[in-house]
Amino acid sequence: MKAKDLMIPLQDYLTPDNNLREAVNRLRTAVRGEDRVGVKGLPVLASDGKLVGILSIRDIIKAIYPTYMSMMNLGQFSWDGMLENLARQAGGRKVDEFMTRDVITAAEDDPLMECVDLMFKHNVRRLPVLDRSRRVMGMIYERDVFFAITKSMLEENSGGEK
């Protein structure tokens, strides 16, 4: 099986100029196959259609977590409402500020095992699949790899065992 055989064709993406509010909405309502089920990450494409990054829900969570928080011992500080306030403040900021720029990708003809190898080596859960002109044609998600594995595992093999 090749990357192009398992990938979900690209239907939704972000641009660097989208704000996080738009990005969150698109992640929540993204199309997978024929259904609007949402995804945990989307490619970020420049105006010429070239891949410039990827934005995941983890990137969005990092956007609202102030870096100084990890360096402080806040003691009796109140956390109530802080997450919500920071989320509202971050909503207007641009995808470009938070996207991951060094994106691990697969080529459309890469064997599926090579894609899994990339996912493990680089600790990523989604891979944009590029065509020969280096444009994103689809995405491979960890859950789709899992379903391909389970399908093979549960099918009858040539010896008739289940």
C-alpha atoms as a PDB file:
ATOM      1  CA  MET A   1       0.000   0.000   0.000  1.00  0.00           C
ATOM      2  CA  LYS A   2       1.231   3.497  -0.867  1.00  0.00           C
ATOM      3  CA  ALA A   3       0.653   6.861   0.828  1.00  0.00           C
ATOM      4  CA  LYS A   4      -1.810   7.892  -1.894  1.00  0.00           C
ATOM      5  CA  ASP A   5      -3.885   4.746  -1.195  1.00  0.00           C
ATOM      6  CA  LEU A   6      -4.496   5.607   2.461  1.00  0.00           C
ATOM      7  CA  MET A   7      -4.482   9.407   2.475  1.00  0.00           C
ATOM      8  CA  ILE A   8      -7.592  11.494   2.930  1.00  0.00           C
ATOM      9  CA  PRO A   9      -7.781  13.877  -0.081  1.00  0.00           C
ATOM     10  CA  LEU A  10      -7.154  17.491   0.921  1.00  0.00           C
ATOM     11  CA  GLN A  11     -10.414  19.363   1.349  1.00  0.00           C
ATOM     12  CA  ASP A  12      -9.644  21.791   4.163  1.00  0.00           C
ATOM     13  CA  TYR A  13      -6.525  23.814   4.869  1.00  0.00           C
ATOM     14  CA  LEU A  14      -5.408  27.029   6.530  1.00  0.00           C
ATOM     15  CA  THR A  15      -3.453  30.036   5.323  1.00  0.00           C
ATOM     16  CA  PRO A  16      -0.801  31.915   7.313  1.00  0.00           C
ATOM     17  CA  ASP A  17      -3.152  34.914   7.483  1.00  0.00           C
ATOM     18  CA  ASN A  18      -6.050  33.037   9.067  1.00  0.00           C
ATOM     19  CA  ASN A  19      -6.496  33.999  12.693  1.00  0.00           C
ATOM     20  CA  LEU A  20      -6.673  31.356  15.417  1.00  0.00           C
ATOM     21  CA  ARG A  21     -10.436  31.821  15.778  1.00  0.00           C
ATOM     22  CA  GLU A  22     -10.864  30.872  12.102  1.00  0.00           C
ATOM     23  CA  ALA A  23      -8.368  28.024  12.480  1.00  0.00           C
ATOM     24  CA  VAL A  24     -10.185  26.564  15.485  1.00  0.00           C
ATOM     25  CA  ASN A  25     -13.465  26.668  13.619  1.00  0.00           C
ATOM     26  CA  ARG A  26     -11.955  24.984  10.576  1.00  0.00           C
ATOM     27  CA  LEU A  27     -10.320  22.252  12.696  1.00  0.00           C
ATOM     28  CA  ARG A  28     -13.645  21.577  14.426  1.00  0.00           C
ATOM     29  CA  THR A  29     -15.619  21.372  11.164  1.00  0.00           C
ATOM     30  CA  ALA A  30     -13.077  19.914   8.726  1.00  0.00           C
ATOM     31  CA  VAL A  31     -14.266  17.320   6.257  1.00  0.00           C
ATOM     32  CA  ARG A  32     -12.827  13.795   6.443  1.00  0.00           C
ATOM     33  CA  GLY A  33     -14.037  11.760   3.521  1.00  0.00           C
ATOM     34  CA  GLU A  34     -17.713  12.602   3.191  1.00  0.00           C
ATOM     35  CA  ASP A  35     -18.351  13.722   6.778  1.00  0.00           C
ATOM     36  CA  ARG A  36     -17.658  16.878   8.756  1.00  0.00           C
ATOM     37  CA  VAL A  37     -15.997  15.354  11.776  1.00  0.00           C
ATOM     38  CA  GLY A  38     -13.119  17.703  12.482  1.00  0.00           C
ATOM     39  CA  VAL A  39      -9.405  16.984  12.584  1.00  0.00           C
ATOM     40  CA  LYS A  40      -6.549  17.583  14.993  1.00  0.00           C
ATOM     41  CA  GLY A  41      -4.308  19.349  12.491  1.00  0.00           C
ATOM     42  CA  LEU A  42      -4.411  20.986   9.066  1.00  0.00           C
ATOM     43  CA  PRO A  43      -1.765  21.996   6.545  1.00  0.00           C
ATOM     44  CA  VAL A  44      -1.041  25.697   6.091  1.00  0.00           C
ATOM     45  CA  LEU A  45      -0.745  26.703   2.432  1.00  0.00           C
ATOM     46  CA  ALA A  46       0.666  29.890   0.913  1.00  0.00           C
ATOM     47  CA  SER A  47      -1.299  31.772  -1.744  1.00  0.00           C
ATOM     48  CA  ASP A  48       0.547  29.764  -4.440  1.00  0.00           C
ATOM     49  CA  GLY A  49      -0.685  26.516  -2.869  1.00  0.00           C
ATOM     50  CA  LYS A  50       2.714  25.481  -1.486  1.00  0.00           C
ATOM     51  CA  LEU A  51       2.981  23.954   1.976  1.00  0.00           C
ATOM     52  CA  VAL A  52       4.433  26.425   4.501  1.00  0.00           C
ATOM     53  CA  GLY A  53       3.433  24.777   7.770  1.00  0.00           C
ATOM     54  CA  ILE A  54       0.965  22.732   9.743  1.00  0.00           C
ATOM     55  CA  LEU A  55      -1.231  23.817  12.638  1.00  0.00           C
ATOM     56  CA  SER A  56      -2.361  21.300  15.233  1.00  0.00           C
ATOM     57  CA  ILE A  57      -4.542  21.539  18.294  1.00  0.00           C
ATOM     58  CA  ARG A  58      -1.341  21.307  20.337  1.00  0.00           C
ATOM     59  CA  ASP A  59      -0.021  24.450  18.602  1.00  0.00           C
ATOM     60  CA  ILE A  60      -3.239  26.245  19.524  1.00  0.00           C
ATOM     61  CA  ILE A  61      -3.001  25.165  23.150  1.00  0.00           C
ATOM     62  CA  LYS A  62       0.612  26.398  23.218  1.00  0.00           C
ATOM     63  CA  ALA A  63      -0.601  29.740  21.829  1.00  0.00           C
ATOM     64  CA  ILE A  64      -2.602  30.434  24.944  1.00  0.00           C
ATOM     65  CA  TYR A  65      -0.048  29.138  27.443  1.00  0.00           C
ATOM     66  CA  PRO A  66       2.263  32.030  28.311  1.00  0.00           C
ATOM     67  CA  THR A  67       5.905  30.950  28.259  1.00  0.00           C
ATOM     68  CA  TYR A  68       6.608  32.714  31.543  1.00  0.00           C
ATOM     69  CA  MET A  69       4.186  30.345  33.325  1.00  0.00           C
ATOM     70  CA  SER A  70       6.646  27.456  33.196  1.00  0.00           C
ATOM     71  CA  MET A  71       9.289  29.554  34.990  1.00  0.00           C
ATOM     72  CA  MET A  72       7.173  30.721  37.905  1.00  0.00           C
ATOM     73  CA  ASN A  73       6.172  29.312  41.260  1.00  0.00           C
ATOM     74  CA  LEU A  74       2.772  30.946  41.590  1.00  0.00           C
ATOM     75  CA  GLY A  75       1.845  29.629  45.026  1.00  0.00           C
ATOM     76  CA  GLN A  76      -1.625  30.934  45.889  1.00  0.00           C
ATOM     77  CA  PHE A  77      -2.240  32.423  42.437  1.00  0.00           C
ATOM     78  CA  SER A  78      -5.810  31.872  41.183  1.00  0.00           C
ATOM     79  CA  TRP A  79      -6.172  29.940  37.926  1.00  0.00           C
ATOM     80  CA  ASP A  80      -9.935  30.474  37.705  1.00  0.00           C
ATOM     81  CA  GLY A  81     -10.932  31.864  34.314  1.00  0.00           C
ATOM     82  CA  MET A  82      -7.344  32.337  33.162  1.00  0.00           C
ATOM     83  CA  LEU A  83      -7.483  29.800  30.313  1.00  0.00           C
ATOM     84  CA  GLU A  84     -10.691  31.263  28.932  1.00  0.00           C
ATOM     85  CA  ASN A  85      -9.359  34.847  29.073  1.00  0.00           C
ATOM     86  CA  LEU A  86      -6.101  33.908  27.358  1.00  0.00           C
ATOM     87  CA  ALA A  87      -8.033  31.977  24.692  1.00  0.00           C
ATOM     88  CA  ARG A  88     -10.185  35.027  23.909  1.00  0.00           C
ATOM     89  CA  GLN A  89      -7.067  37.199  23.652  1.00  0.00           C
ATOM     90  CA  ALA A  90      -5.274  34.745  21.349  1.00  0.00           C
ATOM     91  CA  GLY A  91      -8.233  34.335  18.972  1.00  0.00           C
ATOM     92  CA  GLY A  92      -7.230  37.242  16.743  1.00  0.00           C
ATOM     93  CA  ARG A  93      -3.586  36.254  16.390  1.00  0.00           C
ATOM     94  CA  LYS A  94      -2.374  34.792  13.100  1.00  0.00           C
ATOM     95  CA  VAL A  95      -1.772  31.130  12.273  1.00  0.00           C
ATOM     96  CA  ASP A  96       1.666  32.179  10.986  1.00  0.00           C
ATOM     97  CA  GLU A  97       2.794  32.885  14.572  1.00  0.00           C
ATOM     98  CA  PHE A  98       2.041  29.392  15.872  1.00  0.00           C
ATOM     99  CA  MET A  99       2.201  26.913  13.005  1.00  0.00           C
ATOM    100  CA  THR A 100       4.950  24.323  12.824  1.00  0.00           C
ATOM    101  CA  ARG A 101       7.167  25.312   9.905  1.00  0.00           C
ATOM    102  CA  ASP A 102       9.383  22.239   9.581  1.00  0.00           C
ATOM    103  CA  VAL A 103       6.730  19.846   8.331  1.00  0.00           C
ATOM    104  CA  ILE A 104       7.468  16.168   7.857  1.00  0.00           C
ATOM    105  CA  THR A 105       5.843  15.028   4.607  1.00  0.00           C
ATOM    106  CA  ALA A 106       5.398  11.899   2.531  1.00  0.00           C
ATOM    107  CA  ALA A 107       5.456  11.556  -1.230  1.00  0.00           C
ATOM    108  CA  GLU A 108       2.378  10.070  -2.895  1.00  0.00           C
ATOM    109  CA  ASP A 109       4.253   6.903  -3.912  1.00  0.00           C
ATOM    110  CA  ASP A 110       5.975   6.299  -0.561  1.00  0.00           C
ATOM    111  CA  PRO A 111       5.213   2.854   0.858  1.00  0.00           C
ATOM    112  CA  LEU A 112       2.904   2.989   3.869  1.00  0.00           C
ATOM    113  CA  MET A 113       5.619   1.487   6.092  1.00  0.00           C
ATOM    114  CA  GLU A 114       7.892   4.418   5.203  1.00  0.00           C
ATOM    115  CA  CYS A 115       5.099   6.789   6.284  1.00  0.00           C
ATOM    116  CA  VAL A 116       4.769   4.987   9.619  1.00  0.00           C
ATOM    117  CA  ASP A 117       8.546   5.157  10.034  1.00  0.00           C
ATOM    118  CA  LEU A 118       8.443   8.943   9.488  1.00  0.00           C
ATOM    119  CA  MET A 119       5.602   9.318  11.980  1.00  0.00           C
ATOM    120  CA  PHE A 120       7.523   7.453  14.682  1.00  0.00           C
ATOM    121  CA  LYS A 121      10.935   8.973  14.006  1.00  0.00           C
ATOM    122  CA  HIS A 122       9.560  12.501  14.087  1.00  0.00           C
ATOM    123  CA  ASN A 123       6.803  11.971  16.667  1.00  0.00           C
ATOM    124  CA  VAL A 124       4.032  13.281  14.393  1.00  0.00           C
ATOM    125  CA  ARG A 125       0.452  12.090  14.119  1.00  0.00           C
ATOM    126  CA  ARG A 126      -0.305  13.384  10.639  1.00  0.00           C
ATOM    127  CA  LEU A 127       1.596  13.601   7.374  1.00  0.00           C
ATOM    128  CA  PRO A 128       0.801  15.807   4.415  1.00  0.00           C
ATOM    129  CA  VAL A 129       1.119  13.776   1.215  1.00  0.00           C
ATOM    130  CA  LEU A 130       2.766  15.662  -1.653  1.00  0.00           C
ATOM    131  CA  ASP A 131       2.411  15.062  -5.363  1.00  0.00           C
ATOM    132  CA  ARG A 132       5.339  15.241  -7.787  1.00  0.00           C
ATOM    133  CA  SER A 133       5.079  19.039  -7.988  1.00  0.00           C
ATOM    134  CA  ARG A 134       5.333  19.234  -4.148  1.00  0.00           C
ATOM    135  CA  ARG A 135       1.710  20.296  -3.650  1.00  0.00           C
ATOM    136  CA  VAL A 136      -0.388  18.814  -0.856  1.00  0.00           C
ATOM    137  CA  MET A 137      -2.811  16.293  -2.262  1.00  0.00           C
ATOM    138  CA  GLY A 138      -3.961  14.746   1.002  1.00  0.00           C
ATOM    139  CA  MET A 139      -3.231  13.824   4.598  1.00  0.00           C
ATOM    140  CA  ILE A 140      -2.400  10.580   6.355  1.00  0.00           C
ATOM    141  CA  TYR A 141      -3.636  10.554   9.921  1.00  0.00           C
ATOM    142  CA  GLU A 142      -2.467   8.188  12.655  1.00  0.00           C
ATOM    143  CA  ARG A 143      -5.992   6.844  13.084  1.00  0.00           C
ATOM    144  CA  ASP A 144      -6.145   5.860   9.397  1.00  0.00           C
ATOM    145  CA  VAL A 145      -2.886   3.914   9.755  1.00  0.00           C
ATOM    146  CA  PHE A 146      -4.373   2.212  12.815  1.00  0.00           C
ATOM    147  CA  PHE A 147      -7.520   1.231  10.883  1.00  0.00           C
ATOM    148  CA  ALA A 148      -5.403  -0.145   8.003  1.00  0.00           C
ATOM    149  CA  ILE A 149      -3.444  -2.231  10.498  1.00  0.00           C
ATOM    150  CA  THR A 150      -6.559  -3.531  12.230  1.00  0.00           C
ATOM    151  CA  LYS A 151      -8.183  -4.380   8.918  1.00  0.00           C
ATOM    152  CA  SER A 152      -5.157  -6.453   7.906  1.00  0.00           C
ATOM    153  CA  MET A 153      -4.920  -8.010  11.346  1.00  0.00           C
ATOM    154  CA  LEU A 154      -8.559  -9.081  11.407  1.00  0.00           C
ATOM    155  CA  GLU A 155      -8.864 -10.343   7.822  1.00  0.00           C
ATOM    156  CA  GLU A 156      -8.558 -14.038   7.106  1.00  0.00           C
ATOM    157  CA  ASN A 157      -5.079 -14.928   5.909  1.00  0.00           C
ATOM    158  CA  SER A 158      -4.309 -17.351   3.101  1.00  0.00           C
ATOM    159  CA  GLY A 159      -4.131 -20.268   5.570  1.00  0.00           C
ATOM    160  CA  GLY A 160      -7.783 -19.831   6.534  1.00  0.00           C
ATOM    161  CA  GLU A 161      -7.040 -18.693  10.113  1.00  0.00           C
ATOM    162  CA  LYS A 162      -8.864 -15.768  11.645  1.00  0.00           C
END
